[in-house]
Amino acid sequence: MVASSIVAGAQTIIGSFALIALIVVALGTMVGVVKPSEVVDRVGVIVGLTIVASLLVSVFVGLWGTMSVWQEVVLAALGLVVWQMRRERRSSRRSRGDE
């Protein structure tokens, strides 16, 4: 039941962003910032990204629900290690740039 509420919440947020993007495209067309020939392309990209994002959320939540606890722990640990490695790499870049 938790998974379905996560998917529903994510789809609501994704749908809200898509609606805002469509409104911005419509306003841009009215103001003249977006050319009428580009509107179909931009709407297609917005709709495509919305569909892909919704599917990704559904797939990842479904996969997470089928994993055992030890698999979830290992995946979380891997994510933490990658995050720490990226953080150390960024700090070393900053220190080299200051010299």
N, C-alpha and C. Protein backbone atom coordinates (compact mmCIF):
# COMPACT_ATOMS: atom_id res chain seq x y z
N MET A 1 0.81 -1.19 0.00
CA MET A 1 0.00 0.00 0.00
C MET A 1 0.86 1.26 0.00
N VAL A 2 2.02 1.20 0.64
CA VAL A 2 2.91 2.35 0.66
C VAL A 2 3.45 2.63 -0.74
N ALA A 3 3.75 1.57 -1.48
CA ALA A 3 4.29 1.74 -2.83
C ALA A 3 3.29 2.45 -3.74
N SER A 4 2.03 2.09 -3.63
CA SER A 4 1.04 2.73 -4.50
C SER A 4 0.87 4.20 -4.16
N SER A 5 0.99 4.55 -2.88
CA SER A 5 0.88 5.97 -2.52
C SER A 5 2.11 6.75 -2.96
N ILE A 6 3.28 6.10 -2.95
CA ILE A 6 4.49 6.76 -3.44
C ILE A 6 4.37 7.03 -4.94
N VAL A 7 3.91 6.04 -5.68
CA VAL A 7 3.75 6.20 -7.13
C VAL A 7 2.71 7.27 -7.43
N ALA A 8 1.60 7.25 -6.70
CA ALA A 8 0.56 8.24 -6.93
C ALA A 8 1.06 9.65 -6.62
N GLY A 9 1.80 9.79 -5.54
CA GLY A 9 2.35 11.10 -5.19
C GLY A 9 3.35 11.60 -6.21
N ALA A 10 4.21 10.69 -6.66
CA ALA A 10 5.21 11.08 -7.67
C ALA A 10 4.53 11.46 -8.98
N GLN A 11 3.51 10.71 -9.37
CA GLN A 11 2.82 11.04 -10.61
C GLN A 11 2.07 12.37 -10.50
N THR A 12 1.59 12.69 -9.32
CA THR A 12 0.95 13.99 -9.12
C THR A 12 1.96 15.12 -9.29
N ILE A 13 3.14 14.94 -8.69
CA ILE A 13 4.18 15.97 -8.80
C ILE A 13 4.65 16.10 -10.25
N ILE A 14 4.87 14.97 -10.91
CA ILE A 14 5.32 14.99 -12.31
C ILE A 14 4.26 15.65 -13.19
N GLY A 15 3.00 15.32 -12.95
CA GLY A 15 1.92 15.93 -13.71
C GLY A 15 1.83 17.43 -13.50
N SER A 16 2.09 17.87 -12.27
CA SER A 16 2.06 19.31 -11.99
C SER A 16 3.18 20.04 -12.73
N PHE A 17 4.39 19.44 -12.72
CA PHE A 17 5.49 20.05 -13.46
C PHE A 17 5.20 20.08 -14.96
N ALA A 18 4.59 19.02 -15.47
CA ALA A 18 4.26 18.99 -16.90
C ALA A 18 3.23 20.05 -17.24
N LEU A 19 2.24 20.22 -16.39
CA LEU A 19 1.22 21.24 -16.62
C LEU A 19 1.83 22.64 -16.59
N ILE A 20 2.73 22.87 -15.65
CA ILE A 20 3.40 24.18 -15.59
C ILE A 20 4.23 24.41 -16.85
N ALA A 21 4.93 23.37 -17.32
CA ALA A 21 5.73 23.50 -18.54
C ALA A 21 4.85 23.79 -19.75
N LEU A 22 3.71 23.13 -19.83
CA LEU A 22 2.79 23.39 -20.95
C LEU A 22 2.24 24.80 -20.90
N ILE A 23 1.96 25.29 -19.70
CA ILE A 23 1.47 26.67 -19.56
C ILE A 23 2.55 27.66 -19.97
N VAL A 24 3.79 27.38 -19.59
CA VAL A 24 4.89 28.27 -19.98
C VAL A 24 5.06 28.29 -21.50
N VAL A 25 4.94 27.13 -22.13
CA VAL A 25 5.04 27.07 -23.60
C VAL A 25 3.90 27.85 -24.24
N ALA A 26 2.69 27.71 -23.69
CA ALA A 26 1.55 28.45 -24.24
C ALA A 26 1.73 29.95 -24.08
N LEU A 27 2.19 30.37 -22.91
CA LEU A 27 2.43 31.80 -22.70
C LEU A 27 3.56 32.29 -23.59
N GLY A 28 4.60 31.48 -23.75
CA GLY A 28 5.70 31.86 -24.64
C GLY A 28 5.25 32.01 -26.07
N THR A 29 4.31 31.17 -26.49
CA THR A 29 3.76 31.28 -27.84
C THR A 29 2.95 32.56 -27.99
N MET A 30 2.16 32.88 -26.97
CA MET A 30 1.34 34.10 -27.03
C MET A 30 2.21 35.35 -27.04
N VAL A 31 3.28 35.35 -26.29
CA VAL A 31 4.15 36.52 -26.21
C VAL A 31 5.04 36.62 -27.45
N GLY A 32 5.31 35.48 -28.07
CA GLY A 32 6.13 35.47 -29.27
C GLY A 32 7.54 34.97 -29.03
N VAL A 33 7.79 34.45 -27.84
CA VAL A 33 9.12 33.92 -27.53
C VAL A 33 9.33 32.56 -28.20
N VAL A 34 8.27 31.76 -28.22
CA VAL A 34 8.33 30.43 -28.84
C VAL A 34 7.65 30.52 -30.20
N LYS A 35 8.36 30.07 -31.23
CA LYS A 35 7.78 30.09 -32.57
C LYS A 35 6.68 29.03 -32.68
N PRO A 36 5.61 29.33 -33.43
CA PRO A 36 4.53 28.36 -33.57
C PRO A 36 4.99 27.02 -34.18
N SER A 37 6.03 27.05 -34.99
CA SER A 37 6.52 25.80 -35.57
C SER A 37 7.25 24.93 -34.54
N GLU A 38 7.73 25.52 -33.45
CA GLU A 38 8.44 24.78 -32.41
C GLU A 38 7.51 24.26 -31.32
N VAL A 39 6.27 24.71 -31.30
CA VAL A 39 5.35 24.35 -30.21
C VAL A 39 5.12 22.84 -30.17
N VAL A 40 4.91 22.23 -31.33
CA VAL A 40 4.62 20.79 -31.37
C VAL A 40 5.82 20.01 -30.84
N ASP A 41 7.02 20.43 -31.19
CA ASP A 41 8.22 19.75 -30.70
C ASP A 41 8.33 19.86 -29.18
N ARG A 42 8.12 21.06 -28.67
CA ARG A 42 8.25 21.26 -27.22
C ARG A 42 7.17 20.53 -26.45
N VAL A 43 5.94 20.52 -26.94
CA VAL A 43 4.87 19.79 -26.28
C VAL A 43 5.17 18.29 -26.32
N GLY A 44 5.69 17.82 -27.44
CA GLY A 44 6.06 16.41 -27.55
C GLY A 44 7.14 16.03 -26.55
N VAL A 45 8.13 16.89 -26.38
CA VAL A 45 9.19 16.63 -25.41
C VAL A 45 8.63 16.61 -23.99
N ILE A 46 7.76 17.54 -23.67
CA ILE A 46 7.17 17.60 -22.34
C ILE A 46 6.35 16.34 -22.06
N VAL A 47 5.51 15.95 -23.01
CA VAL A 47 4.69 14.75 -22.82
C VAL A 47 5.57 13.51 -22.74
N GLY A 48 6.59 13.42 -23.58
CA GLY A 48 7.50 12.28 -23.54
C GLY A 48 8.24 12.17 -22.22
N LEU A 49 8.76 13.29 -21.72
CA LEU A 49 9.45 13.27 -20.44
C LEU A 49 8.51 12.90 -19.29
N THR A 50 7.28 13.36 -19.37
CA THR A 50 6.30 13.03 -18.34
C THR A 50 6.03 11.53 -18.32
N ILE A 51 5.85 10.94 -19.49
CA ILE A 51 5.60 9.50 -19.57
C ILE A 51 6.80 8.70 -19.07
N VAL A 52 7.99 9.09 -19.51
CA VAL A 52 9.20 8.37 -19.08
C VAL A 52 9.42 8.50 -17.58
N ALA A 53 9.23 9.68 -17.03
CA ALA A 53 9.42 9.86 -15.59
C ALA A 53 8.41 9.04 -14.79
N SER A 54 7.16 9.01 -15.23
CA SER A 54 6.15 8.21 -14.53
C SER A 54 6.48 6.72 -14.59
N LEU A 55 6.92 6.27 -15.75
CA LEU A 55 7.29 4.86 -15.88
C LEU A 55 8.51 4.51 -15.03
N LEU A 56 9.50 5.40 -14.99
CA LEU A 56 10.68 5.14 -14.17
C LEU A 56 10.33 5.04 -12.70
N VAL A 57 9.48 5.93 -12.22
CA VAL A 57 9.06 5.88 -10.82
C VAL A 57 8.35 4.56 -10.54
N SER A 58 7.44 4.18 -11.42
CA SER A 58 6.70 2.93 -11.21
C SER A 58 7.63 1.72 -11.22
N VAL A 59 8.57 1.69 -12.14
CA VAL A 59 9.50 0.55 -12.23
C VAL A 59 10.40 0.49 -11.01
N PHE A 60 10.97 1.63 -10.60
CA PHE A 60 11.87 1.62 -9.45
C PHE A 60 11.15 1.27 -8.16
N VAL A 61 9.94 1.77 -7.98
CA VAL A 61 9.19 1.42 -6.77
C VAL A 61 8.82 -0.06 -6.80
N GLY A 62 8.46 -0.57 -7.98
CA GLY A 62 8.16 -1.99 -8.09
C GLY A 62 9.38 -2.87 -7.81
N LEU A 63 10.53 -2.47 -8.35
CA LEU A 63 11.76 -3.23 -8.08
C LEU A 63 12.15 -3.17 -6.62
N TRP A 64 12.03 -2.00 -6.01
CA TRP A 64 12.38 -1.86 -4.60
C TRP A 64 11.47 -2.73 -3.74
N GLY A 65 10.23 -2.85 -4.11
CA GLY A 65 9.29 -3.67 -3.33
C GLY A 65 9.57 -5.15 -3.44
N THR A 66 10.19 -5.59 -4.52
CA THR A 66 10.47 -7.01 -4.68
C THR A 66 11.82 -7.41 -4.10
N MET A 67 12.64 -6.45 -3.70
CA MET A 67 13.96 -6.77 -3.14
C MET A 67 13.83 -7.22 -1.69
N SER A 68 14.77 -8.08 -1.29
CA SER A 68 14.83 -8.45 0.11
C SER A 68 15.56 -7.36 0.89
N VAL A 69 15.53 -7.46 2.20
CA VAL A 69 16.10 -6.40 3.03
C VAL A 69 17.61 -6.29 2.82
N TRP A 70 18.30 -7.41 2.72
CA TRP A 70 19.76 -7.34 2.57
C TRP A 70 20.13 -6.71 1.22
N GLN A 71 19.32 -6.93 0.17
CA GLN A 71 19.59 -6.30 -1.12
C GLN A 71 19.39 -4.79 -1.03
N GLU A 72 18.37 -4.36 -0.30
CA GLU A 72 18.14 -2.93 -0.11
C GLU A 72 19.28 -2.28 0.65
N VAL A 73 19.80 -2.98 1.67
CA VAL A 73 20.90 -2.45 2.47
C VAL A 73 22.16 -2.33 1.61
N VAL A 74 22.45 -3.35 0.81
CA VAL A 74 23.63 -3.32 -0.06
C VAL A 74 23.52 -2.19 -1.07
N LEU A 75 22.34 -2.01 -1.67
CA LEU A 75 22.14 -0.94 -2.64
C LEU A 75 22.28 0.43 -1.99
N ALA A 76 21.74 0.59 -0.80
CA ALA A 76 21.88 1.86 -0.08
C ALA A 76 23.34 2.13 0.28
N ALA A 77 24.09 1.08 0.68
CA ALA A 77 25.50 1.24 1.01
C ALA A 77 26.30 1.63 -0.23
N LEU A 78 26.01 1.02 -1.37
CA LEU A 78 26.69 1.39 -2.61
C LEU A 78 26.42 2.85 -2.97
N GLY A 79 25.19 3.27 -2.82
CA GLY A 79 24.85 4.67 -3.09
C GLY A 79 25.59 5.62 -2.17
N LEU A 80 25.72 5.24 -0.90
CA LEU A 80 26.43 6.07 0.06
C LEU A 80 27.92 6.16 -0.30
N VAL A 81 28.52 5.05 -0.70
CA VAL A 81 29.93 5.03 -1.08
C VAL A 81 30.16 5.91 -2.31
N VAL A 82 29.30 5.79 -3.31
CA VAL A 82 29.45 6.62 -4.52
C VAL A 82 29.30 8.09 -4.17
N TRP A 83 28.35 8.42 -3.31
CA TRP A 83 28.14 9.81 -2.90
C TRP A 83 29.37 10.35 -2.19
N GLN A 84 29.96 9.56 -1.29
CA GLN A 84 31.16 9.99 -0.57
C GLN A 84 32.34 10.18 -1.52
N MET A 85 32.49 9.27 -2.48
CA MET A 85 33.59 9.39 -3.44
C MET A 85 33.46 10.65 -4.28
N ARG A 86 32.24 10.96 -4.70
CA ARG A 86 32.03 12.17 -5.49
C ARG A 86 32.31 13.41 -4.65
N ARG A 87 31.93 13.37 -3.39
CA ARG A 87 32.15 14.51 -2.50
C ARG A 87 33.64 14.77 -2.30
N GLU A 88 34.41 13.70 -2.09
CA GLU A 88 35.86 13.85 -1.93
C GLU A 88 36.50 14.36 -3.21
N ARG A 89 36.01 13.90 -4.34
CA ARG A 89 36.56 14.32 -5.62
C ARG A 89 36.31 15.81 -5.86
N ARG A 90 35.11 16.27 -5.50
CA ARG A 90 34.81 17.69 -5.66
C ARG A 90 35.67 18.55 -4.75
N SER A 91 35.87 18.11 -3.51
CA SER A 91 36.67 18.91 -2.58
C SER A 91 38.13 18.97 -3.04
N SER A 92 38.64 17.89 -3.64
CA SER A 92 40.02 17.93 -4.12
C SER A 92 40.14 18.85 -5.33
N ARG A 93 39.11 18.92 -6.15
CA ARG A 93 39.14 19.85 -7.29
C ARG A 93 39.16 21.29 -6.81
N ARG A 94 38.36 21.57 -5.80
CA ARG A 94 38.30 22.94 -5.28
C ARG A 94 39.63 23.34 -4.68
N SER A 95 40.29 22.44 -3.96
CA SER A 95 41.56 22.78 -3.33
C SER A 95 42.64 22.99 -4.39
N ARG A 96 42.60 22.22 -5.48
CA ARG A 96 43.57 22.42 -6.55
C ARG A 96 43.32 23.73 -7.27
N GLY A 97 42.07 24.15 -7.40
CA GLY A 97 41.75 25.38 -8.10
C GLY A 97 42.15 26.61 -7.31
N ASP A 98 42.22 26.48 -5.97
CA ASP A 98 42.58 27.62 -5.13
C ASP A 98 44.06 27.93 -5.17
N GLU A 99 44.89 26.94 -5.49
CA GLU A 99 46.34 27.13 -5.45
C GLU A 99 46.84 27.96 -6.59
